[in-house]
Amino acid sequence: MQSHRTVFQAALCLSLYGLAGPALAQNQWVEPAQPAPMLNERPGGSYHARLCSDRLAVCVHATEPSFAKPLPHTLSILEKAYQNVVFVLNWRAPMKEGLPAASGFDVYLVGEGPTWSVRPDPPKDNTTLARSTAFGLLRYDALDTCATEFALAAAVARAGIYAIDAAANDELANATATYIASLVVSCPSAFIAGLDDFQASPYLAVSNPIHDQGRGALLFPWFIQTTYGSGNPADLLHALWALSSQPYPKDSGILLNEPDFLDTMSTLAADTRRSPSDLWLDFAVARAFVGNRDNGAYLPDTRFVGSAGAVRFEWSVSFSSLPRRFAPRYPVEPTGSSYLWLSLDSPSPHAGLGFRADWEQPDRFRFALVLVDEQGQTLSRFNPMTEERGTSVEANIETLTGAKGILVVATNTGSVLQDIAFDPDNHPYTPRGFTVSLFAQ
């Protein structure tokens, strides 16, 4: 038995040596992998025509020979867009410093991709705030329409945000840029499809990239500026983006978007003596009265978008069918919302409504019950206060006199736990479910 054990140990040693031998023999310096190329390289190639303004720091470039002919016309539109956004709205101008070859803001005509997009250059100055120059991409087949004017105005506004904060959340910045463009260019066809998609999926977060990389979410900055701004049409949005800027990190090449644009909502809420959850609930209610549902009380300038602005209701039920319990088809992401319409078909003169909602931890849901008359005007609004770490809320409406229906609005205001608090830059988002119970009284 001893001899077998000795033979086994010897065989084991030989096998281990055989495995280690090649590794020891190859114990030599391995050249580390080369860094990946910049993701935002400027378009180039064998053919590259350029035309620059003699009045403003803007240039347009053709990436293909067939794209060169419309350069003069495109440059004149870019100059006009720059003047309207920067000089008229007092929006931040794109940075001029950065790349030695950059004359200011450069726009490249390309053959594919979204109608417009803006990409940052690597920040060159790491001594102050994290900001950078940027360049725009404009799809060639979008020329000769009002979409060109709209796209270039949005691109200038987006480049201005890069001049404030190079780490800005792309979706929220694109939403802001789209709204800014809508102020200076009358071209609803440039954004109405994205707006329609945004309203068709209200359960998704405002910053979800599925909204055309944020371009469809222009209702959010629209609401912020219209509801809380004053004076200049873009003054509040500009101030909020300025508050979200941050210094360049000294010990890392990675930009951290802290504070981000949504963090500045806390400052706005404090200034208006409200909480951030109040602001999200107000926005959820306001987006229910957009387009052909506009009653002049929330977003009165959105009537022109018509049915494209109508938010999708999860349920539409009658008062006579109560009591009932409802759950949304999709769980709701933070900053997303859900809607239920209760038609008051045959309530008694002294009828009331009982309401109860339950939801998943650790997020906090807020709810609003809006009584609407036959003309679509808001009669009253009830906001049942939910506890910060609660999972249910109850409320009673004692009288329904004069109301044609009740709009039940639910919005997810994010997690109450700080270590997993909602951050628009952390994907994927975690949706939460809820239920609503309604009782006739």
Protein backbone atom coordinates (compact mmCIF):
# COMPACT_ATOMS: atom_id res chain seq x y z
CA MET A 1 0.00 0.00 0.00
CA GLN A 2 2.90 2.31 0.83
CA SER A 3 4.49 1.73 -2.56
CA HIS A 4 1.27 2.66 -4.37
CA ARG A 5 1.05 5.90 -2.38
CA THR A 6 4.65 6.78 -3.26
CA VAL A 7 4.03 6.13 -6.94
CA PHE A 8 0.90 8.31 -6.85
CA GLN A 9 2.75 11.22 -5.17
CA ALA A 10 5.55 11.04 -7.69
CA ALA A 11 3.10 11.06 -10.58
CA LEU A 12 1.33 14.07 -9.09
CA CYS A 13 4.59 16.02 -8.75
CA LEU A 14 5.56 15.23 -12.33
CA SER A 15 2.18 16.37 -13.64
CA LEU A 16 2.32 19.64 -11.68
CA TYR A 17 5.84 20.29 -12.94
CA GLY A 18 4.69 19.59 -16.46
CA LEU A 19 1.93 22.17 -16.10
CA ALA A 20 4.17 24.74 -14.47
CA GLY A 21 7.04 24.24 -16.88
CA PRO A 22 5.54 26.07 -19.87
CA ALA A 23 4.35 28.91 -17.62
CA LEU A 24 7.82 29.30 -16.13
CA ALA A 25 9.38 29.12 -19.55
CA GLN A 26 7.06 31.86 -20.80
CA ASN A 27 7.58 34.11 -17.77
CA GLN A 28 8.48 37.17 -19.79
CA TRP A 29 7.27 40.74 -20.13
CA VAL A 30 3.97 41.00 -21.93
CA GLU A 31 3.26 44.30 -23.67
CA PRO A 32 0.05 45.76 -22.23
CA ALA A 33 -2.86 46.33 -24.55
CA GLN A 34 -2.89 49.64 -26.34
CA PRO A 35 -5.59 52.08 -25.22
CA ALA A 36 -8.74 52.00 -27.27
CA PRO A 37 -9.15 54.80 -29.82
CA MET A 38 -11.31 57.75 -28.87
CA LEU A 39 -14.97 56.96 -29.31
CA ASN A 40 -15.70 60.48 -30.55
CA GLU A 41 -13.21 60.86 -33.36
CA ARG A 42 -14.12 63.64 -35.73
CA PRO A 43 -15.20 62.50 -39.19
CA GLY A 44 -12.40 62.54 -41.70
CA GLY A 45 -11.32 60.71 -44.81
CA SER A 46 -9.72 61.32 -48.14
CA TYR A 47 -12.27 63.98 -49.04
CA HIS A 48 -13.00 66.79 -46.64
CA ALA A 49 -14.42 70.16 -47.70
CA ARG A 50 -14.91 72.90 -45.12
CA LEU A 51 -16.60 76.28 -45.10
CA CYS A 52 -16.30 78.66 -42.13
CA SER A 53 -18.12 81.82 -41.17
CA ASP A 54 -16.31 85.15 -41.22
CA ARG A 55 -18.63 86.50 -38.50
CA LEU A 56 -19.12 83.66 -36.03
CA ALA A 57 -17.00 80.79 -34.72
CA VAL A 58 -18.82 78.10 -36.72
CA CYS A 59 -17.88 75.84 -39.64
CA VAL A 60 -19.61 73.20 -41.75
CA HIS A 61 -17.83 70.20 -43.24
CA ALA A 62 -18.67 67.75 -46.03
CA THR A 63 -17.55 64.17 -45.43
CA GLU A 64 -18.43 63.08 -48.99
CA PRO A 65 -17.92 64.87 -52.35
CA SER A 66 -21.68 64.87 -52.98
CA PHE A 67 -22.25 66.69 -49.68
CA ALA A 68 -20.20 69.76 -50.65
CA LYS A 69 -22.78 71.63 -52.75
CA PRO A 70 -25.15 72.64 -49.89
CA LEU A 71 -22.33 73.85 -47.61
CA PRO A 72 -22.97 77.61 -48.19
CA HIS A 73 -26.70 77.26 -47.50
CA THR A 74 -26.07 75.07 -44.46
CA LEU A 75 -23.56 77.58 -43.09
CA SER A 76 -26.07 80.42 -43.36
CA ILE A 77 -28.64 78.35 -41.44
CA LEU A 78 -26.02 77.49 -38.80
CA GLU A 79 -25.16 81.17 -38.38
CA LYS A 80 -28.83 82.02 -37.88
CA ALA A 81 -29.27 79.18 -35.39
CA TYR A 82 -26.20 80.32 -33.45
CA GLN A 83 -27.49 83.89 -33.26
CA ASN A 84 -30.97 82.85 -32.12
CA VAL A 85 -29.76 80.42 -29.46
CA VAL A 86 -26.74 82.31 -28.12
CA PHE A 87 -27.60 85.97 -28.68
CA VAL A 88 -31.40 85.97 -28.44
CA LEU A 89 -31.91 83.34 -25.72
CA ASN A 90 -28.60 84.11 -23.97
CA TRP A 91 -27.76 80.40 -24.02
CA ARG A 92 -24.20 79.32 -23.34
CA ALA A 93 -22.11 79.42 -26.53
CA PRO A 94 -20.09 76.36 -27.59
CA MET A 95 -16.50 76.41 -26.36
CA LYS A 96 -13.83 77.70 -28.71
CA GLU A 97 -10.81 76.35 -26.82
CA GLY A 98 -9.73 72.72 -26.85
CA LEU A 99 -8.48 71.25 -30.10
CA PRO A 100 -5.94 73.41 -31.92
CA ALA A 101 -7.76 72.81 -35.22
CA ALA A 102 -11.15 73.73 -33.83
CA SER A 103 -12.39 77.12 -34.95
CA GLY A 104 -15.37 76.94 -32.63
CA PHE A 105 -18.39 74.78 -33.34
CA ASP A 106 -18.00 72.44 -36.30
CA VAL A 107 -20.89 70.60 -37.97
CA TYR A 108 -20.25 67.63 -40.26
CA LEU A 109 -22.68 66.47 -42.93
CA VAL A 110 -22.91 62.69 -42.71
CA GLY A 111 -24.87 60.01 -44.52
CA GLU A 112 -26.34 58.05 -41.61
CA GLY A 113 -27.31 58.28 -37.96
CA PRO A 114 -29.91 60.44 -36.20
CA THR A 115 -31.02 63.70 -37.76
CA TRP A 116 -28.67 65.54 -35.42
CA SER A 117 -26.26 64.63 -32.67
CA VAL A 118 -23.45 66.34 -30.78
CA ARG A 119 -20.34 64.66 -29.45
CA PRO A 120 -17.70 66.02 -27.10
CA ASP A 121 -13.98 66.32 -27.68
CA PRO A 122 -11.63 65.11 -24.94
CA PRO A 123 -11.35 67.85 -22.30
CA LYS A 124 -8.03 69.65 -22.57
CA ASP A 125 -8.21 71.91 -19.54
CA ASN A 126 -8.38 69.89 -16.31
CA THR A 127 -7.66 72.78 -13.98
CA THR A 128 -11.18 74.16 -13.65
CA LEU A 129 -14.65 72.85 -14.41
CA ALA A 130 -15.20 69.74 -16.50
CA ARG A 131 -16.22 71.21 -19.83
CA SER A 132 -15.26 70.56 -23.42
CA THR A 133 -15.56 71.59 -27.01
CA ALA A 134 -17.93 69.59 -29.15
CA PHE A 135 -18.81 68.93 -32.78
CA GLY A 136 -22.15 68.25 -34.43
CA LEU A 137 -23.29 65.65 -36.94
CA LEU A 138 -26.14 66.48 -39.32
CA ARG A 139 -27.65 63.85 -41.58
CA TYR A 140 -27.43 64.97 -45.20
CA ASP A 141 -30.90 63.81 -46.24
CA ALA A 142 -32.47 66.14 -43.65
CA LEU A 143 -31.36 69.23 -45.59
CA ASP A 144 -33.71 71.63 -47.36
CA THR A 145 -36.46 71.23 -44.77
CA CYS A 146 -37.33 73.05 -41.57
CA ALA A 147 -35.73 70.07 -39.83
CA THR A 148 -32.34 71.50 -40.84
CA GLU A 149 -32.96 74.75 -38.97
CA PHE A 150 -34.33 72.85 -35.99
CA ALA A 151 -31.46 70.35 -35.91
CA LEU A 152 -28.76 73.02 -36.08
CA ALA A 153 -30.41 75.09 -33.34
CA ALA A 154 -30.63 71.99 -31.14
CA ALA A 155 -27.00 71.13 -31.90
CA VAL A 156 -25.81 74.61 -30.89
CA ALA A 157 -27.78 74.36 -27.63
CA ARG A 158 -26.38 70.88 -26.93
CA ALA A 159 -22.82 72.06 -27.57
CA GLY A 160 -23.49 74.89 -25.13
CA ILE A 161 -24.30 72.33 -22.43
CA TYR A 162 -20.97 70.62 -23.09
CA ALA A 163 -19.39 74.04 -22.52
CA ILE A 164 -21.03 74.03 -19.08
CA ASP A 165 -20.69 70.38 -18.09
CA ALA A 166 -18.82 67.78 -20.14
CA ALA A 167 -20.26 64.99 -17.98
CA ALA A 168 -23.90 66.00 -18.48
CA ASN A 169 -26.41 63.19 -18.87
CA ASP A 170 -26.85 62.85 -22.62
CA GLU A 171 -30.59 62.15 -22.57
CA LEU A 172 -31.50 65.08 -20.32
CA ALA A 173 -29.18 67.37 -22.26
CA ASN A 174 -30.72 66.29 -25.58
CA ALA A 175 -34.20 66.90 -24.15
CA THR A 176 -33.17 70.41 -23.12
CA ALA A 177 -31.54 71.12 -26.48
CA THR A 178 -34.67 69.96 -28.31
CA TYR A 179 -36.83 72.25 -26.22
CA ILE A 180 -34.46 75.19 -26.79
CA ALA A 181 -34.66 74.58 -30.54
CA SER A 182 -38.46 74.59 -30.38
CA LEU A 183 -38.31 78.13 -28.97
CA VAL A 184 -36.46 79.56 -31.96
CA VAL A 185 -37.59 77.35 -34.86
CA SER A 186 -41.20 76.56 -35.73
CA CYS A 187 -40.93 72.96 -36.95
CA PRO A 188 -43.20 70.58 -35.01
CA SER A 189 -42.48 67.75 -37.43
CA ALA A 190 -38.90 67.68 -36.14
CA PHE A 191 -39.90 66.51 -32.66
CA ILE A 192 -43.56 65.49 -32.64
CA ALA A 193 -42.85 61.79 -33.36
CA GLY A 194 -40.45 61.60 -30.42
CA LEU A 195 -42.93 63.42 -28.21
CA ASP A 196 -45.65 60.96 -29.19
CA ASP A 197 -43.41 58.01 -28.27
CA PHE A 198 -42.57 59.66 -24.95
CA GLN A 199 -46.25 60.08 -24.06
CA ALA A 200 -47.07 56.55 -25.23
CA SER A 201 -44.70 55.04 -22.66
CA PRO A 202 -45.02 57.23 -19.55
CA TYR A 203 -43.92 54.37 -17.29
CA LEU A 204 -40.34 54.79 -18.51
CA ALA A 205 -37.92 57.16 -16.80
CA VAL A 206 -37.64 60.66 -18.19
CA SER A 207 -33.96 59.98 -18.92
CA ASN A 208 -34.51 56.58 -20.57
CA PRO A 209 -32.50 56.47 -23.84
CA ILE A 210 -35.42 54.83 -25.62
CA HIS A 211 -36.97 58.29 -26.04
CA ASP A 212 -34.82 58.96 -29.14
CA GLN A 213 -31.79 59.40 -26.87
CA GLY A 214 -33.76 61.93 -24.85
CA ARG A 215 -34.99 64.10 -27.74
CA GLY A 216 -38.56 62.92 -27.22
CA ALA A 217 -38.51 63.90 -23.53
CA LEU A 218 -38.59 67.64 -24.22
CA LEU A 219 -41.78 67.93 -22.15
CA PHE A 220 -39.71 67.69 -18.98
CA PRO A 221 -37.55 70.81 -19.53
CA TRP A 222 -40.62 72.43 -21.10
CA PHE A 223 -42.53 71.90 -17.85
CA ILE A 224 -39.64 73.09 -15.66
CA GLN A 225 -39.16 76.32 -17.60
CA THR A 226 -42.86 77.09 -18.11
CA THR A 227 -43.87 76.37 -14.51
CA TYR A 228 -40.98 77.82 -12.54
CA GLY A 229 -39.07 80.07 -14.94
CA SER A 230 -39.50 83.79 -15.49
CA GLY A 231 -38.14 86.47 -17.75
CA ASN A 232 -35.94 84.97 -20.45
CA PRO A 233 -37.56 81.89 -22.09
CA ALA A 234 -34.61 79.71 -21.08
CA ASP A 235 -33.27 81.40 -17.95
CA LEU A 236 -34.15 78.71 -15.42
CA LEU A 237 -32.89 75.82 -17.54
CA HIS A 238 -29.59 77.61 -18.08
CA ALA A 239 -29.26 78.22 -14.34
CA LEU A 240 -30.01 74.59 -13.47
CA TRP A 241 -27.39 73.32 -15.91
CA ALA A 242 -24.88 75.80 -14.48
CA LEU A 243 -25.59 74.45 -10.99
CA SER A 244 -24.92 70.90 -12.17
CA SER A 245 -21.36 71.63 -13.32
CA GLN A 246 -18.49 70.03 -11.44
CA PRO A 247 -14.69 70.38 -11.20
CA TYR A 248 -12.48 68.12 -13.25
CA PRO A 249 -11.42 65.10 -11.12
CA LYS A 250 -7.79 65.39 -10.03
CA ASP A 251 -7.15 61.68 -9.54
CA SER A 252 -9.06 60.17 -12.44
CA GLY A 253 -9.64 60.61 -16.13
CA ILE A 254 -13.27 59.55 -15.77
CA LEU A 255 -15.81 62.33 -15.44
CA LEU A 256 -18.42 61.80 -12.76
CA ASN A 257 -21.74 63.51 -13.34
CA GLU A 258 -22.21 64.61 -9.73
CA PRO A 259 -24.15 66.73 -9.14
CA ASP A 260 -26.32 65.98 -12.15
CA PHE A 261 -29.23 67.90 -13.61
CA LEU A 262 -31.77 66.03 -11.49
CA ASP A 263 -29.81 66.86 -8.34
CA THR A 264 -30.45 70.53 -9.05
CA MET A 265 -34.16 69.72 -8.77
CA SER A 266 -33.61 69.60 -5.01
CA THR A 267 -32.41 73.20 -5.11
CA LEU A 268 -35.38 74.21 -7.23
CA ALA A 269 -37.75 72.39 -4.87
CA ALA A 270 -36.25 74.11 -1.83
CA ASP A 271 -36.59 77.52 -3.49
CA THR A 272 -40.26 76.84 -4.20
CA ARG A 273 -40.85 75.36 -0.71
CA ARG A 274 -41.64 71.96 -2.14
CA SER A 275 -39.96 68.56 -2.12
CA PRO A 276 -38.45 66.83 -5.17
CA SER A 277 -41.26 64.28 -5.02
CA ASP A 278 -43.77 67.15 -5.24
CA LEU A 279 -42.10 68.35 -8.44
CA TRP A 280 -42.21 64.88 -9.99
CA LEU A 281 -45.88 64.55 -9.10
CA ASP A 282 -46.61 67.98 -10.58
CA PHE A 283 -44.88 66.96 -13.80
CA ALA A 284 -46.78 63.67 -13.93
CA VAL A 285 -50.06 65.57 -13.64
CA ALA A 286 -49.04 68.22 -16.16
CA ARG A 287 -48.09 65.73 -18.88
CA ALA A 288 -51.65 64.36 -18.72
CA PHE A 289 -52.94 67.72 -19.99
CA VAL A 290 -50.87 68.11 -23.15
CA GLY A 291 -52.00 68.56 -26.74
CA ASN A 292 -55.72 68.12 -27.34
CA ARG A 293 -56.19 67.57 -23.58
CA ASP A 294 -54.68 70.95 -22.74
CA ASN A 295 -56.97 72.98 -20.49
CA GLY A 296 -54.71 76.01 -20.15
CA ALA A 297 -53.69 75.27 -16.56
CA TYR A 298 -50.50 73.23 -16.97
CA LEU A 299 -48.68 73.44 -20.31
CA PRO A 300 -50.80 75.91 -22.30
CA ASP A 301 -48.35 76.16 -25.20
CA THR A 302 -48.68 72.49 -26.17
CA ARG A 303 -52.14 72.53 -27.74
CA PHE A 304 -50.68 72.61 -31.26
CA VAL A 305 -49.27 69.06 -30.96
CA GLY A 306 -52.83 67.67 -30.91
CA SER A 307 -53.34 63.99 -30.27
CA ALA A 308 -49.58 63.37 -30.36
CA GLY A 309 -49.36 64.88 -26.90
CA ALA A 310 -52.02 62.68 -25.33
CA VAL A 311 -50.50 60.49 -22.63
CA ARG A 312 -51.49 56.83 -22.62
CA PHE A 313 -53.96 55.74 -19.94
CA GLU A 314 -53.49 52.27 -18.47
CA TRP A 315 -57.18 51.93 -17.68
CA SER A 316 -60.41 53.73 -18.53
CA VAL A 317 -63.30 52.45 -16.38
CA SER A 318 -66.69 53.61 -15.18
CA PHE A 319 -67.79 54.50 -11.66
CA SER A 320 -70.61 51.95 -11.86
CA SER A 321 -68.07 49.10 -12.19
CA LEU A 322 -66.54 49.75 -8.76
CA PRO A 323 -65.18 48.35 -6.49
CA ARG A 324 -62.16 47.28 -8.51
CA ARG A 325 -58.44 46.81 -8.09
CA PHE A 326 -56.01 47.77 -10.85
CA ALA A 327 -52.39 47.08 -11.67
CA PRO A 328 -50.40 48.64 -14.52
CA ARG A 329 -49.37 46.57 -17.50
CA TYR A 330 -45.75 47.63 -16.98
CA PRO A 331 -43.94 48.47 -13.73
CA VAL A 332 -42.91 52.10 -13.41
CA GLU A 333 -39.31 53.30 -13.56
CA PRO A 334 -38.14 56.16 -11.31
CA THR A 335 -39.50 59.51 -12.64
CA GLY A 336 -41.99 57.55 -14.76
CA SER A 337 -45.75 57.65 -14.25
CA SER A 338 -48.99 55.78 -14.84
CA TYR A 339 -52.57 56.94 -15.42
CA LEU A 340 -56.10 55.68 -14.80
CA TRP A 341 -59.29 57.42 -15.94
CA LEU A 342 -62.47 56.90 -13.93
CA SER A 343 -65.59 58.04 -15.77
CA LEU A 344 -68.36 59.20 -13.43
CA ASP A 345 -71.22 57.73 -15.42
CA SER A 346 -73.95 57.42 -12.80
CA PRO A 347 -72.93 58.42 -9.28
CA SER A 348 -75.56 59.48 -6.79
CA PRO A 349 -75.64 63.18 -5.79
CA HIS A 350 -73.92 62.39 -2.50
CA ALA A 351 -71.48 59.77 -3.82
CA GLY A 352 -67.84 59.71 -2.79
CA LEU A 353 -64.75 57.73 -3.69
CA GLY A 354 -62.47 55.54 -1.60
CA PHE A 355 -58.85 55.16 -2.75
CA ARG A 356 -56.03 52.85 -1.71
CA ALA A 357 -52.64 52.26 -3.30
CA ASP A 358 -49.88 49.74 -2.54
CA TRP A 359 -46.40 49.59 -4.05
CA GLU A 360 -43.06 47.83 -3.90
CA GLN A 361 -40.19 48.86 -1.68
CA PRO A 362 -37.78 50.61 -1.54
CA ASP A 363 -39.17 53.19 -3.98
CA ARG A 364 -41.63 55.86 -2.96
CA PHE A 365 -44.73 56.41 -5.07
CA ARG A 366 -46.78 59.59 -5.08
CA PHE A 367 -50.39 59.83 -6.21
CA ALA A 368 -52.81 62.53 -7.32
CA LEU A 369 -56.57 62.35 -7.87
CA VAL A 370 -57.69 65.10 -10.24
CA LEU A 371 -61.41 65.87 -10.61
CA VAL A 372 -62.17 67.03 -14.16
CA ASP A 373 -65.40 68.62 -15.40
CA GLU A 374 -67.16 68.14 -18.73
CA GLN A 375 -65.05 70.86 -20.41
CA GLY A 376 -61.80 69.24 -19.30
CA GLN A 377 -61.10 71.84 -16.62
CA THR A 378 -59.61 70.86 -13.27
CA LEU A 379 -62.12 71.22 -10.44
CA SER A 380 -59.90 70.04 -7.61
CA ARG A 381 -56.86 67.90 -6.93
CA PHE A 382 -56.12 65.60 -4.01
CA ASN A 383 -52.54 64.56 -3.20
CA PRO A 384 -52.57 61.73 -0.65
CA MET A 385 -49.33 62.09 1.30
CA THR A 386 -47.26 58.91 1.29
CA GLU A 387 -44.79 58.18 4.05
CA GLU A 388 -41.16 58.13 2.98
CA ARG A 389 -40.69 54.46 3.85
CA GLY A 390 -44.31 53.42 3.51
CA THR A 391 -45.79 50.99 1.03
CA SER A 392 -49.45 52.04 1.03
CA VAL A 393 -51.71 55.07 1.24
CA GLU A 394 -55.45 55.63 1.59
CA ALA A 395 -57.71 58.59 0.90
CA ASN A 396 -61.38 59.49 0.61
CA ILE A 397 -63.08 62.04 -1.63
CA GLU A 398 -66.31 63.04 0.05
CA THR A 399 -68.02 64.78 -2.86
CA LEU A 400 -67.84 64.39 -6.64
CA THR A 401 -70.25 67.21 -7.49
CA GLY A 402 -69.67 68.74 -10.93
CA ALA A 403 -67.03 66.23 -11.99
CA LYS A 404 -67.22 64.26 -15.23
CA GLY A 405 -64.32 62.02 -14.36
CA ILE A 406 -61.37 61.46 -12.06
CA LEU A 407 -57.80 61.13 -13.28
CA VAL A 408 -55.68 58.94 -11.01
CA VAL A 409 -51.98 59.72 -11.44
CA ALA A 410 -49.15 57.59 -10.02
CA THR A 411 -45.46 58.44 -10.24
CA ASN A 412 -42.36 56.68 -8.97
CA THR A 413 -40.11 59.24 -7.27
CA GLY A 414 -37.21 56.81 -6.78
CA SER A 415 -35.67 54.86 -3.95
CA VAL A 416 -35.66 56.19 -0.40
CA LEU A 417 -32.35 54.39 0.25
CA GLN A 418 -29.42 56.67 -0.44
CA ASP A 419 -27.06 53.90 -1.53
CA ILE A 420 -29.40 52.96 -4.39
CA ALA A 421 -30.96 56.36 -5.00
CA PHE A 422 -32.02 56.99 -8.58
CA ASP A 423 -29.22 58.25 -10.81
CA PRO A 424 -29.97 58.92 -14.49
CA ASP A 425 -26.47 57.73 -15.44
CA ASN A 426 -26.80 54.29 -13.84
CA HIS A 427 -28.40 51.83 -16.25
CA PRO A 428 -30.51 49.78 -16.31
CA TYR A 429 -33.21 51.40 -14.24
CA THR A 430 -35.20 49.28 -11.79
CA PRO A 431 -38.99 49.59 -12.24
CA ARG A 432 -41.44 48.93 -9.42
CA GLY A 433 -45.03 47.75 -9.46
CA PHE A 434 -48.08 49.14 -7.69
CA THR A 435 -51.81 48.55 -7.38
CA VAL A 436 -54.74 50.93 -7.00
CA SER A 437 -58.09 50.04 -5.42
CA LEU A 438 -61.17 52.22 -5.93
CA PHE A 439 -64.43 51.99 -3.98
CA ALA A 440 -67.74 53.76 -4.45
CA GLN A 441 -68.96 55.43 -1.27
